[in-house]
Amino acid sequence: MNRRPTLLAAAAVTAAAVVSLSSCGGSDDDAGSKDGDKIAGADSGTEKGASPSPKAPGDGVKRPEIRLPKDVHNVFEGGKTGDPKKDAVLADNERWVNSLIEAVTVKAKDHPALKFYAAGDGLLSSAEYVQGFQKNKKSFIGTTRYYNRQVTFLKDGVAAVTYCQDGKKAYPKDLKTGAVDRSIKPSANDYTFFNTRVTENAKGIWQTDSVTSTTASKKCTP
């Protein structure tokens, strides 16, 4: 079993998956939903012990805050290239990844950051990823590393972002029992190569609109 299932191809996702993003974590009358379960940016409050997202740039854009549980960490390498435009793309890619992991690991009625940093097929893929965890009552804890991050501009307002993911220090969590499985041994399946397309919207946000991934890619394995 893989610790961290990779994103599915957007072609396999239906539009119905996006609708579920408005009710991630329970319905409006879910007795377990309290102010402390909501994500900052949706209403108020956040999960106790959660880590805030990196400081937003001073571009005047009101961005939803992203907070991960205290036992979930994403480590991004190579965020500063010396090119301000590439750095902006990598920063929004990082925020998309964080928003996706937040949607999986934080119980909330809504996840505004995910819909802020993803669009089109990228949003469909994101929704499918989240639904897969919810359906199986699973989550995860631990540290995931992102490295070899590269930006290639394709045309005005469109770019490709490629990177590797190392998930060997992330472990599956059963939401029914709270048990964490740390028995899984590291393997090539812990390394995944991602190729994403991002487009700049009217607000200047680089939204992920297409995602493909290759597990056990030789581009990422040590």
C-alpha atoms as a PDB file:
ATOM      1  CA  MET A   1       0.000   0.000   0.000  1.00  0.00           C
ATOM      2  CA  ASN A   2       1.283   3.489  -0.824  1.00  0.00           C
ATOM      3  CA  ARG A   3       1.499   6.050   1.946  1.00  0.00           C
ATOM      4  CA  ARG A   4       0.393   8.917  -0.245  1.00  0.00           C
ATOM      5  CA  PRO A   5      -1.752   8.105  -3.303  1.00  0.00           C
ATOM      6  CA  THR A   6      -0.723  10.271  -6.228  1.00  0.00           C
ATOM      7  CA  LEU A   7      -3.132  12.521  -8.061  1.00  0.00           C
ATOM      8  CA  LEU A   8      -5.294  10.770 -10.611  1.00  0.00           C
ATOM      9  CA  ALA A   9      -5.440  11.890 -14.221  1.00  0.00           C
ATOM     10  CA  ALA A  10      -8.022  14.605 -14.712  1.00  0.00           C
ATOM     11  CA  ALA A  11      -9.689  12.613 -17.493  1.00  0.00           C
ATOM     12  CA  ALA A  12     -10.884  10.071 -14.939  1.00  0.00           C
ATOM     13  CA  VAL A  13     -12.659  12.655 -12.824  1.00  0.00           C
ATOM     14  CA  THR A  14     -16.243  13.856 -13.062  1.00  0.00           C
ATOM     15  CA  ALA A  15     -17.562  17.342 -12.421  1.00  0.00           C
ATOM     16  CA  ALA A  16     -19.496  15.977  -9.447  1.00  0.00           C
ATOM     17  CA  ALA A  17     -16.219  15.762  -7.553  1.00  0.00           C
ATOM     18  CA  VAL A  18     -15.941  19.538  -7.467  1.00  0.00           C
ATOM     19  CA  VAL A  19     -19.324  19.856  -5.812  1.00  0.00           C
ATOM     20  CA  SER A  20     -18.028  17.792  -2.900  1.00  0.00           C
ATOM     21  CA  LEU A  21     -15.413  20.435  -2.140  1.00  0.00           C
ATOM     22  CA  SER A  22     -18.126  22.633  -0.672  1.00  0.00           C
ATOM     23  CA  SER A  23     -18.873  19.977   1.938  1.00  0.00           C
ATOM     24  CA  CYS A  24     -15.492  18.461   2.731  1.00  0.00           C
ATOM     25  CA  GLY A  25     -15.564  17.172   6.276  1.00  0.00           C
ATOM     26  CA  GLY A  26     -19.319  16.959   6.787  1.00  0.00           C
ATOM     27  CA  SER A  27     -22.681  18.532   6.092  1.00  0.00           C
ATOM     28  CA  ASP A  28     -24.031  21.787   7.507  1.00  0.00           C
ATOM     29  CA  ASP A  29     -25.859  19.936  10.269  1.00  0.00           C
ATOM     30  CA  ASP A  30     -22.891  17.765  11.222  1.00  0.00           C
ATOM     31  CA  ALA A  31     -22.883  17.765  15.004  1.00  0.00           C
ATOM     32  CA  GLY A  32     -19.111  17.387  15.037  1.00  0.00           C
ATOM     33  CA  SER A  33     -18.480  20.624  13.162  1.00  0.00           C
ATOM     34  CA  LYS A  34     -17.480  23.507  15.371  1.00  0.00           C
ATOM     35  CA  ASP A  35     -15.704  26.811  14.904  1.00  0.00           C
ATOM     36  CA  GLY A  36     -12.418  25.112  15.687  1.00  0.00           C
ATOM     37  CA  ASP A  37     -12.884  22.762  12.707  1.00  0.00           C
ATOM     38  CA  LYS A  38     -13.141  25.553  10.152  1.00  0.00           C
ATOM     39  CA  ILE A  39     -10.239  26.839   8.123  1.00  0.00           C
ATOM     40  CA  ALA A  40      -9.196  30.447   8.476  1.00  0.00           C
ATOM     41  CA  GLY A  41     -10.463  32.195   5.386  1.00  0.00           C
ATOM     42  CA  ALA A  42     -13.749  30.322   5.323  1.00  0.00           C
ATOM     43  CA  ASP A  43     -15.011  31.794   8.580  1.00  0.00           C
ATOM     44  CA  SER A  44     -12.813  31.976  11.671  1.00  0.00           C
ATOM     45  CA  GLY A  45     -10.595  29.775  13.791  1.00  0.00           C
ATOM     46  CA  THR A  46      -8.373  26.870  12.880  1.00  0.00           C
ATOM     47  CA  GLU A  47      -7.358  23.467  14.134  1.00  0.00           C
ATOM     48  CA  LYS A  48      -5.373  23.771  17.339  1.00  0.00           C
ATOM     49  CA  GLY A  49      -1.660  23.419  16.768  1.00  0.00           C
ATOM     50  CA  ALA A  50      -1.902  23.926  13.024  1.00  0.00           C
ATOM     51  CA  SER A  51       0.909  25.587  11.114  1.00  0.00           C
ATOM     52  CA  PRO A  52       0.076  28.678   9.057  1.00  0.00           C
ATOM     53  CA  SER A  53       0.955  28.969   5.392  1.00  0.00           C
ATOM     54  CA  PRO A  54       3.861  31.160   4.283  1.00  0.00           C
ATOM     55  CA  LYS A  55       3.257  34.903   4.399  1.00  0.00           C
ATOM     56  CA  ALA A  56       1.314  36.105   1.381  1.00  0.00           C
ATOM     57  CA  PRO A  57       3.100  38.452  -1.027  1.00  0.00           C
ATOM     58  CA  GLY A  58       2.367  42.145  -0.894  1.00  0.00           C
ATOM     59  CA  ASP A  59       0.437  42.123  -4.178  1.00  0.00           C
ATOM     60  CA  GLY A  60      -2.816  43.397  -2.741  1.00  0.00           C
ATOM     61  CA  VAL A  61      -4.624  40.098  -3.404  1.00  0.00           C
ATOM     62  CA  LYS A  62      -6.741  38.775  -0.530  1.00  0.00           C
ATOM     63  CA  ARG A  63      -5.701  35.155  -0.239  1.00  0.00           C
ATOM     64  CA  PRO A  64      -7.351  32.458   1.893  1.00  0.00           C
ATOM     65  CA  GLU A  65      -5.105  31.283   4.712  1.00  0.00           C
ATOM     66  CA  ILE A  66      -3.879  27.701   4.699  1.00  0.00           C
ATOM     67  CA  ARG A  67      -3.153  25.835   7.924  1.00  0.00           C
ATOM     68  CA  LEU A  68      -1.930  22.269   8.235  1.00  0.00           C
ATOM     69  CA  PRO A  69      -2.176  20.092  11.365  1.00  0.00           C
ATOM     70  CA  LYS A  70       0.865  20.193  13.647  1.00  0.00           C
ATOM     71  CA  ASP A  71       1.822  16.641  12.643  1.00  0.00           C
ATOM     72  CA  VAL A  72       1.702  17.309   8.876  1.00  0.00           C
ATOM     73  CA  HIS A  73       4.628  19.069   7.201  1.00  0.00           C
ATOM     74  CA  ASN A  74       5.408  19.928   3.584  1.00  0.00           C
ATOM     75  CA  VAL A  75       9.016  20.847   2.814  1.00  0.00           C
ATOM     76  CA  PHE A  76       9.615  22.699  -0.452  1.00  0.00           C
ATOM     77  CA  GLU A  77      13.110  23.035  -1.858  1.00  0.00           C
ATOM     78  CA  GLY A  78      14.307  25.527  -4.460  1.00  0.00           C
ATOM     79  CA  GLY A  79      11.682  28.244  -4.101  1.00  0.00           C
ATOM     80  CA  LYS A  80      14.027  31.090  -5.072  1.00  0.00           C
ATOM     81  CA  THR A  81      15.356  31.048  -8.626  1.00  0.00           C
ATOM     82  CA  GLY A  82      16.413  34.680  -8.963  1.00  0.00           C
ATOM     83  CA  ASP A  83      13.633  35.227 -11.499  1.00  0.00           C
ATOM     84  CA  PRO A  84      10.684  37.026  -9.803  1.00  0.00           C
ATOM     85  CA  LYS A  85       8.153  35.605 -12.262  1.00  0.00           C
ATOM     86  CA  LYS A  86       9.334  32.023 -11.802  1.00  0.00           C
ATOM     87  CA  ASP A  87       9.401  32.537  -8.044  1.00  0.00           C
ATOM     88  CA  ALA A  88       5.762  33.705  -8.157  1.00  0.00           C
ATOM     89  CA  VAL A  89       4.783  30.564 -10.085  1.00  0.00           C
ATOM     90  CA  LEU A  90       6.593  28.282  -7.613  1.00  0.00           C
ATOM     91  CA  ALA A  91       5.024  30.113  -4.659  1.00  0.00           C
ATOM     92  CA  ASP A  92       1.493  29.559  -5.982  1.00  0.00           C
ATOM     93  CA  ASN A  93       2.323  25.940  -6.823  1.00  0.00           C
ATOM     94  CA  GLU A  94       3.423  25.507  -3.208  1.00  0.00           C
ATOM     95  CA  ARG A  95       0.172  27.050  -2.010  1.00  0.00           C
ATOM     96  CA  TRP A  96      -1.828  24.705  -4.233  1.00  0.00           C
ATOM     97  CA  VAL A  97      -0.033  21.669  -2.796  1.00  0.00           C
ATOM     98  CA  ASN A  98      -0.586  22.944   0.746  1.00  0.00           C
ATOM     99  CA  SER A  99      -4.265  23.641   0.040  1.00  0.00           C
ATOM    100  CA  LEU A 100      -4.691  20.105  -1.297  1.00  0.00           C
ATOM    101  CA  ILE A 101      -3.066  18.547   1.750  1.00  0.00           C
ATOM    102  CA  GLU A 102      -5.112  20.818   4.014  1.00  0.00           C
ATOM    103  CA  ALA A 103      -8.315  19.545   2.378  1.00  0.00           C
ATOM    104  CA  VAL A 104      -7.276  15.951   3.138  1.00  0.00           C
ATOM    105  CA  THR A 105      -5.992  16.440   6.689  1.00  0.00           C
ATOM    106  CA  VAL A 106      -8.183  19.218   8.150  1.00  0.00           C
ATOM    107  CA  LYS A 107     -11.875  18.700   8.831  1.00  0.00           C
ATOM    108  CA  ALA A 108     -13.843  21.702   7.603  1.00  0.00           C
ATOM    109  CA  LYS A 109     -17.092  22.462   5.832  1.00  0.00           C
ATOM    110  CA  ASP A 110     -15.287  24.266   3.045  1.00  0.00           C
ATOM    111  CA  HIS A 111     -11.759  24.560   1.692  1.00  0.00           C
ATOM    112  CA  PRO A 112     -11.564  27.952  -0.031  1.00  0.00           C
ATOM    113  CA  ALA A 113      -7.812  27.819  -0.664  1.00  0.00           C
ATOM    114  CA  LEU A 114      -8.100  24.726  -2.858  1.00  0.00           C
ATOM    115  CA  LYS A 115     -10.620  26.414  -5.135  1.00  0.00           C
ATOM    116  CA  PHE A 116      -8.468  29.560  -5.087  1.00  0.00           C
ATOM    117  CA  TYR A 117      -5.302  27.869  -6.347  1.00  0.00           C
ATOM    118  CA  ALA A 118      -6.807  25.284  -8.738  1.00  0.00           C
ATOM    119  CA  ALA A 119      -9.033  25.543 -11.789  1.00  0.00           C
ATOM    120  CA  GLY A 120     -10.406  23.397 -14.601  1.00  0.00           C
ATOM    121  CA  ASP A 121      -9.082  19.853 -14.755  1.00  0.00           C
ATOM    122  CA  GLY A 122      -6.655  20.691 -11.945  1.00  0.00           C
ATOM    123  CA  LEU A 123      -9.583  21.358  -9.637  1.00  0.00           C
ATOM    124  CA  LEU A 124     -11.271  18.149 -10.752  1.00  0.00           C
ATOM    125  CA  SER A 125      -8.111  16.145 -10.022  1.00  0.00           C
ATOM    126  CA  SER A 126      -7.778  17.839  -6.648  1.00  0.00           C
ATOM    127  CA  ALA A 127     -11.374  16.988  -5.770  1.00  0.00           C
ATOM    128  CA  GLU A 128     -10.883  13.357  -6.770  1.00  0.00           C
ATOM    129  CA  TYR A 129      -7.763  13.145  -4.604  1.00  0.00           C
ATOM    130  CA  VAL A 130      -9.622  14.509  -1.569  1.00  0.00           C
ATOM    131  CA  GLN A 131     -12.632  12.276  -2.186  1.00  0.00           C
ATOM    132  CA  GLY A 132     -10.424   9.189  -2.273  1.00  0.00           C
ATOM    133  CA  PHE A 133      -9.285   9.833   1.289  1.00  0.00           C
ATOM    134  CA  GLN A 134     -12.762  10.744   2.542  1.00  0.00           C
ATOM    135  CA  LYS A 135     -14.371   7.644   1.029  1.00  0.00           C
ATOM    136  CA  ASN A 136     -11.876   5.372   2.764  1.00  0.00           C
ATOM    137  CA  LYS A 137     -11.874   7.354   6.032  1.00  0.00           C
ATOM    138  CA  LYS A 138      -8.145   7.894   5.704  1.00  0.00           C
ATOM    139  CA  SER A 139      -5.689  10.725   6.202  1.00  0.00           C
ATOM    140  CA  PHE A 140      -1.960  10.881   6.919  1.00  0.00           C
ATOM    141  CA  ILE A 141       0.684  12.483   9.090  1.00  0.00           C
ATOM    142  CA  GLY A 142       4.383  13.110   8.675  1.00  0.00           C
ATOM    143  CA  THR A 143       6.701  15.040   6.384  1.00  0.00           C
ATOM    144  CA  THR A 144       6.661  15.150   2.597  1.00  0.00           C
ATOM    145  CA  ARG A 145       9.502  16.687   0.600  1.00  0.00           C
ATOM    146  CA  TYR A 146       9.163  18.447  -2.762  1.00  0.00           C
ATOM    147  CA  TYR A 147      12.316  18.979  -4.797  1.00  0.00           C
ATOM    148  CA  ASN A 148      13.763  19.432  -8.312  1.00  0.00           C
ATOM    149  CA  ARG A 149      11.131  22.086  -8.882  1.00  0.00           C
ATOM    150  CA  GLN A 150      11.307  23.655 -12.328  1.00  0.00           C
ATOM    151  CA  VAL A 151       9.261  26.276 -14.185  1.00  0.00           C
ATOM    152  CA  THR A 152       8.993  26.483 -17.966  1.00  0.00           C
ATOM    153  CA  PHE A 153       6.964  29.282 -19.533  1.00  0.00           C
ATOM    154  CA  LEU A 154       4.920  28.003 -22.483  1.00  0.00           C
ATOM    155  CA  LYS A 155       3.218  31.209 -23.575  1.00  0.00           C
ATOM    156  CA  ASP A 156       1.843  34.368 -21.989  1.00  0.00           C
ATOM    157  CA  GLY A 157      -0.029  33.411 -18.844  1.00  0.00           C
ATOM    158  CA  VAL A 158       0.730  29.688 -19.104  1.00  0.00           C
ATOM    159  CA  ALA A 159       3.599  27.691 -17.606  1.00  0.00           C
ATOM    160  CA  ALA A 160       4.592  24.134 -16.733  1.00  0.00           C
ATOM    161  CA  VAL A 161       5.784  23.248 -13.232  1.00  0.00           C
ATOM    162  CA  THR A 162       7.551  19.932 -12.714  1.00  0.00           C
ATOM    163  CA  TYR A 163       8.782  18.546  -9.418  1.00  0.00           C
ATOM    164  CA  CYS A 164       9.469  15.412  -7.405  1.00  0.00           C
ATOM    165  CA  GLN A 165       7.731  14.242  -4.250  1.00  0.00           C
ATOM    166  CA  ASP A 166       9.378  12.162  -1.525  1.00  0.00           C
ATOM    167  CA  GLY A 167       6.741  10.652   0.763  1.00  0.00           C
ATOM    168  CA  LYS A 168       8.779   8.080   2.668  1.00  0.00           C
ATOM    169  CA  LYS A 169       8.329   9.973   5.946  1.00  0.00           C
ATOM    170  CA  ALA A 170       4.544  10.263   5.635  1.00  0.00           C
ATOM    171  CA  TYR A 171       2.318   7.613   7.200  1.00  0.00           C
ATOM    172  CA  PRO A 172      -1.359   6.669   6.675  1.00  0.00           C
ATOM    173  CA  LYS A 173      -3.846   7.463   9.420  1.00  0.00           C
ATOM    174  CA  ASP A 174      -7.174   5.710  10.005  1.00  0.00           C
ATOM    175  CA  LEU A 175      -9.770   8.374  10.805  1.00  0.00           C
ATOM    176  CA  LYS A 176     -12.084   5.851  12.472  1.00  0.00           C
ATOM    177  CA  THR A 177      -9.539   4.692  15.047  1.00  0.00           C
ATOM    178  CA  GLY A 178      -6.906   7.412  14.909  1.00  0.00           C
ATOM    179  CA  ALA A 179      -4.254   4.721  14.384  1.00  0.00           C
ATOM    180  CA  VAL A 180      -1.153   5.591  12.361  1.00  0.00           C
ATOM    181  CA  ASP A 181       0.597   2.842  10.390  1.00  0.00           C
ATOM    182  CA  ARG A 182       4.357   3.353  10.682  1.00  0.00           C
ATOM    183  CA  SER A 183       5.197  -0.204   9.627  1.00  0.00           C
ATOM    184  CA  ILE A 184       5.399   0.488   5.894  1.00  0.00           C
ATOM    185  CA  LYS A 185       8.929   0.164   4.581  1.00  0.00           C
ATOM    186  CA  PRO A 186      10.390   2.776   2.208  1.00  0.00           C
ATOM    187  CA  SER A 187      10.215   1.833  -1.471  1.00  0.00           C
ATOM    188  CA  ALA A 188      10.440   3.310  -4.954  1.00  0.00           C
ATOM    189  CA  ASN A 189       6.702   4.010  -4.749  1.00  0.00           C
ATOM    190  CA  ASP A 190       7.446   6.768  -2.238  1.00  0.00           C
ATOM    191  CA  TYR A 191       8.902   8.875  -5.068  1.00  0.00           C
ATOM    192  CA  THR A 192       6.595  10.550  -7.569  1.00  0.00           C
ATOM    193  CA  PHE A 193       7.214  12.877 -10.493  1.00  0.00           C
ATOM    194  CA  PHE A 194       4.610  15.585 -11.154  1.00  0.00           C
ATOM    195  CA  ASN A 195       4.021  17.594 -14.305  1.00  0.00           C
ATOM    196  CA  THR A 196       1.501  20.379 -13.825  1.00  0.00           C
ATOM    197  CA  ARG A 197       0.243  23.181 -16.008  1.00  0.00           C
ATOM    198  CA  VAL A 198      -0.553  26.515 -14.401  1.00  0.00           C
ATOM    199  CA  THR A 199      -2.371  29.527 -15.816  1.00  0.00           C
ATOM    200  CA  GLU A 200      -2.362  33.078 -14.518  1.00  0.00           C
ATOM    201  CA  ASN A 201      -5.858  34.364 -13.793  1.00  0.00           C
ATOM    202  CA  ALA A 202      -7.112  37.942 -13.802  1.00  0.00           C
ATOM    203  CA  LYS A 203      -5.944  38.436 -10.204  1.00  0.00           C
ATOM    204  CA  GLY A 204      -2.407  37.340 -11.023  1.00  0.00           C
ATOM    205  CA  ILE A 205      -2.774  33.962  -9.279  1.00  0.00           C
ATOM    206  CA  TRP A 206      -1.032  31.031 -10.973  1.00  0.00           C
ATOM    207  CA  GLN A 207      -3.725  28.349 -10.744  1.00  0.00           C
ATOM    208  CA  THR A 208      -3.010  24.664 -11.308  1.00  0.00           C
ATOM    209  CA  ASP A 209      -5.283  23.560 -14.150  1.00  0.00           C
ATOM    210  CA  SER A 210      -3.755  20.235 -15.185  1.00  0.00           C
ATOM    211  CA  VAL A 211      -1.912  17.509 -13.260  1.00  0.00           C
ATOM    212  CA  THR A 212      -0.189  14.286 -14.288  1.00  0.00           C
ATOM    213  CA  SER A 213       2.018  12.098 -12.108  1.00  0.00           C
ATOM    214  CA  THR A 214       4.307   9.097 -12.374  1.00  0.00           C
ATOM    215  CA  THR A 215       4.914   6.911  -9.326  1.00  0.00           C
ATOM    216  CA  ALA A 216       8.378   5.375  -8.861  1.00  0.00           C
ATOM    217  CA  SER A 217       9.719   7.688 -11.543  1.00  0.00           C
ATOM    218  CA  LYS A 218      13.440   7.300 -12.231  1.00  0.00           C
ATOM    219  CA  LYS A 219      13.578  11.108 -12.401  1.00  0.00           C
ATOM    220  CA  CYS A 220      12.955  11.204  -8.653  1.00  0.00           C
ATOM    221  CA  THR A 221      14.253   7.994  -7.100  1.00  0.00           C
ATOM    222  CA  PRO A 222      17.682   8.249  -5.376  1.00  0.00           C
END
